[in-house]
Protein backbone atom coordinates (compact mmCIF):
# COMPACT_ATOMS: atom_id res chain seq x y z
CA UNK A 1 75.00 132.75 85.49
CA UNK A 2 72.18 134.17 87.63
CA UNK A 3 74.36 133.87 90.73
CA UNK A 4 77.05 135.95 89.00
CA UNK A 5 74.51 138.68 88.20
CA UNK A 6 73.22 138.67 91.80
CA UNK A 7 76.79 138.94 93.15
CA UNK A 8 77.49 141.80 90.74
CA UNK A 9 74.38 143.68 91.96
CA UNK A 10 75.33 143.12 95.61
CA UNK A 11 78.85 144.38 94.88
CA UNK A 12 77.52 147.51 93.17
CA UNK A 13 75.18 148.26 96.09
CA UNK A 14 78.07 147.77 98.54
CA UNK A 15 80.30 150.09 96.51
CA UNK A 16 77.62 152.81 96.47
CA UNK A 17 77.11 152.50 100.24
CA UNK A 18 80.88 152.65 100.82
CA UNK A 19 81.24 155.76 98.63
CA UNK A 20 78.32 157.42 100.45
CA UNK A 21 79.88 156.63 103.84
CA UNK A 22 83.25 158.05 102.74
CA UNK A 23 81.58 161.19 101.35
CA UNK A 24 79.66 161.72 104.62
CA UNK A 25 82.82 161.32 106.74
CA UNK A 26 85.22 163.24 104.48
CA UNK A 27 85.53 166.18 106.88
CA UNK A 28 86.25 163.83 109.79
CA UNK A 29 88.93 162.04 107.74
CA UNK A 30 90.45 165.41 106.81
CA UNK A 31 90.62 166.47 110.49
CA UNK A 32 92.30 163.17 111.44
CA UNK A 33 94.88 163.53 108.64
CA UNK A 34 95.68 167.12 109.67
CA UNK A 35 96.07 165.97 113.30
CA UNK A 36 98.52 163.19 112.31
CA UNK A 37 100.46 165.61 110.06
CA UNK A 38 100.82 168.03 112.98
CA UNK A 39 101.95 165.21 115.27
CA UNK A 40 104.61 164.05 112.80
CA UNK A 41 106.02 167.43 111.75
CA UNK A 42 105.87 169.14 115.16
CA UNK A 43 109.17 167.63 116.29
């Protein structure tokens, strides 16, 4: 049971770190998506 709680805590910390990383890089992701959209629809 304690192992399950520890795994749950590790998962929560990982999820928070992942969300923070995505939030920090949101503008970069947006630029990449706009670039790909331009590449696809330019033809």
